[in-house]
Protein backbone atom coordinates (compact mmCIF):
# COMPACT_ATOMS: atom_id res chain seq x y z
CA MET A 1 0.00 0.00 0.00
CA PRO A 2 1.79 3.19 -1.13
CA TYR A 3 1.93 6.28 1.09
CA ASN A 4 3.23 9.69 0.14
CA PHE A 5 5.35 10.83 3.07
CA ASP A 6 6.63 13.75 0.98
CA GLU A 7 3.20 15.40 0.77
CA LEU A 8 3.17 18.64 2.78
CA ILE A 9 -0.11 19.21 4.59
CA GLU A 10 -0.81 22.74 5.82
CA ARG A 11 -2.04 22.34 9.39
CA HIS A 12 -1.97 25.97 10.58
CA THR A 13 -5.52 26.41 9.29
CA SER A 14 -6.85 23.10 10.65
CA ASN A 15 -7.55 24.15 14.28
CA SER A 16 -4.48 22.09 15.26
CA ILE A 17 -3.25 22.65 18.81
CA LYS A 18 0.15 21.38 17.75
CA TRP A 19 0.59 23.98 15.01
CA ASN A 20 -1.28 26.91 16.56
CA GLN A 21 -0.21 26.87 20.22
CA TYR A 22 3.41 27.94 19.66
CA PRO A 23 5.16 30.87 17.95
CA ALA A 24 5.93 30.45 14.24
CA ASP A 25 9.63 29.87 14.91
CA VAL A 26 8.94 26.76 17.06
CA LEU A 27 8.86 23.35 15.37
CA PRO A 28 6.56 21.19 17.52
CA LEU A 29 7.68 17.55 17.53
CA TRP A 30 4.77 15.81 19.19
CA VAL A 31 4.65 12.08 19.87
CA ALA A 32 1.24 11.17 18.47
CA ASP A 33 0.12 14.04 16.22
CA MET A 34 1.51 13.05 12.85
CA ASP A 35 1.50 15.36 9.87
CA PHE A 36 0.73 12.65 7.33
CA ARG A 37 -2.55 12.08 5.57
CA THR A 38 -4.54 9.24 7.12
CA PRO A 39 -4.21 6.08 4.99
CA GLN A 40 -7.29 5.22 2.94
CA PRO A 41 -7.96 1.83 4.63
CA ILE A 42 -8.27 3.62 7.98
CA LEU A 43 -10.59 6.26 6.50
CA ASP A 44 -12.70 3.49 4.94
CA SER A 45 -12.97 1.64 8.25
CA LEU A 46 -13.92 4.82 10.10
CA GLN A 47 -16.53 5.63 7.46
CA THR A 48 -18.08 2.17 7.90
CA MET A 49 -18.28 2.72 11.65
CA LEU A 50 -19.77 6.19 11.23
CA GLN A 51 -22.48 4.83 8.91
CA GLN A 52 -23.79 2.77 11.84
CA GLY A 53 -24.62 6.06 13.55
CA VAL A 54 -23.36 5.07 17.00
CA VAL A 55 -19.88 5.99 18.19
CA GLY A 56 -18.73 4.88 21.62
CA TYR A 57 -16.18 2.94 23.58
CA GLU A 58 -15.47 -0.66 22.64
CA PHE A 59 -13.81 -3.59 24.34
CA LEU A 60 -10.45 -4.70 23.01
CA GLN A 61 -11.11 -7.60 20.66
CA ARG A 62 -9.16 -10.84 20.97
CA ARG A 63 -8.43 -10.74 17.23
CA THR A 64 -6.74 -7.35 17.66
CA GLN A 65 -4.51 -8.74 20.42
CA GLU A 66 -3.56 -11.70 18.22
CA VAL A 67 -2.76 -9.51 15.21
CA VAL A 68 -0.57 -7.16 17.28
CA ALA A 69 1.29 -10.09 18.84
CA ALA A 70 1.84 -11.71 15.42
CA ARG A 71 3.10 -8.39 14.02
CA MET A 72 5.62 -8.02 16.86
CA ASP A 73 6.91 -11.52 16.06
CA HIS A 74 7.04 -10.89 12.31
CA LEU A 75 8.69 -7.46 12.48
CA TYR A 76 10.94 -7.78 15.52
CA SER A 77 11.08 -11.49 16.45
CA TRP A 78 9.41 -10.62 19.76
CA GLN A 79 7.27 -13.42 21.17
CA VAL A 80 4.46 -11.49 22.82
CA ASP A 81 1.55 -13.26 24.51
CA PRO A 82 -1.67 -11.76 23.09
CA ASP A 83 -2.92 -11.40 26.68
CA TRP A 84 -0.16 -8.85 27.25
CA ILE A 85 -1.70 -6.52 24.65
CA VAL A 86 -3.83 -3.88 26.35
CA ALA A 87 -5.70 -0.87 25.01
CA THR A 88 -4.78 2.63 26.14
CA PRO A 89 -6.53 5.91 25.36
CA GLY A 90 -3.37 7.31 23.79
CA VAL A 91 0.39 7.10 23.40
CA VAL A 92 1.22 9.37 26.34
CA SER A 93 -1.17 7.45 28.61
CA GLY A 94 0.57 4.26 27.49
CA PHE A 95 3.97 5.71 28.37
CA ASN A 96 2.62 6.69 31.80
CA ILE A 97 1.21 3.22 32.47
CA ALA A 98 4.43 1.53 31.30
CA ALA A 99 6.59 3.80 33.48
CA ARG A 100 4.44 3.10 36.52
CA ALA A 101 4.64 -0.65 35.83
CA VAL A 102 8.43 -0.87 35.63
CA CYS A 103 9.78 2.12 37.57
CA SER A 104 9.77 3.06 41.23
CA PRO A 105 8.88 6.55 42.44
């Protein structure tokens, strides 16, 4: 699936906190706010969900855990038990949870 990572997307006019909170001479390098166009398969999946007319919280599906674990094995040779895969509300929350799990105060 081809992606165009060279496409420049103007975000100053998109109500973006990342691009409108700081002075023009600051280059914000945020963890989870990418400046790439969303891939079409994700847009298609979101559109399907929106057509149902109900948007809410979902439980993590077993199939998702299995796919993530298989991907870790395929890409990095990491044997990850699917039960270790948990959902977080965002990247920074995930970092916080991980730090609390393995670090002491």
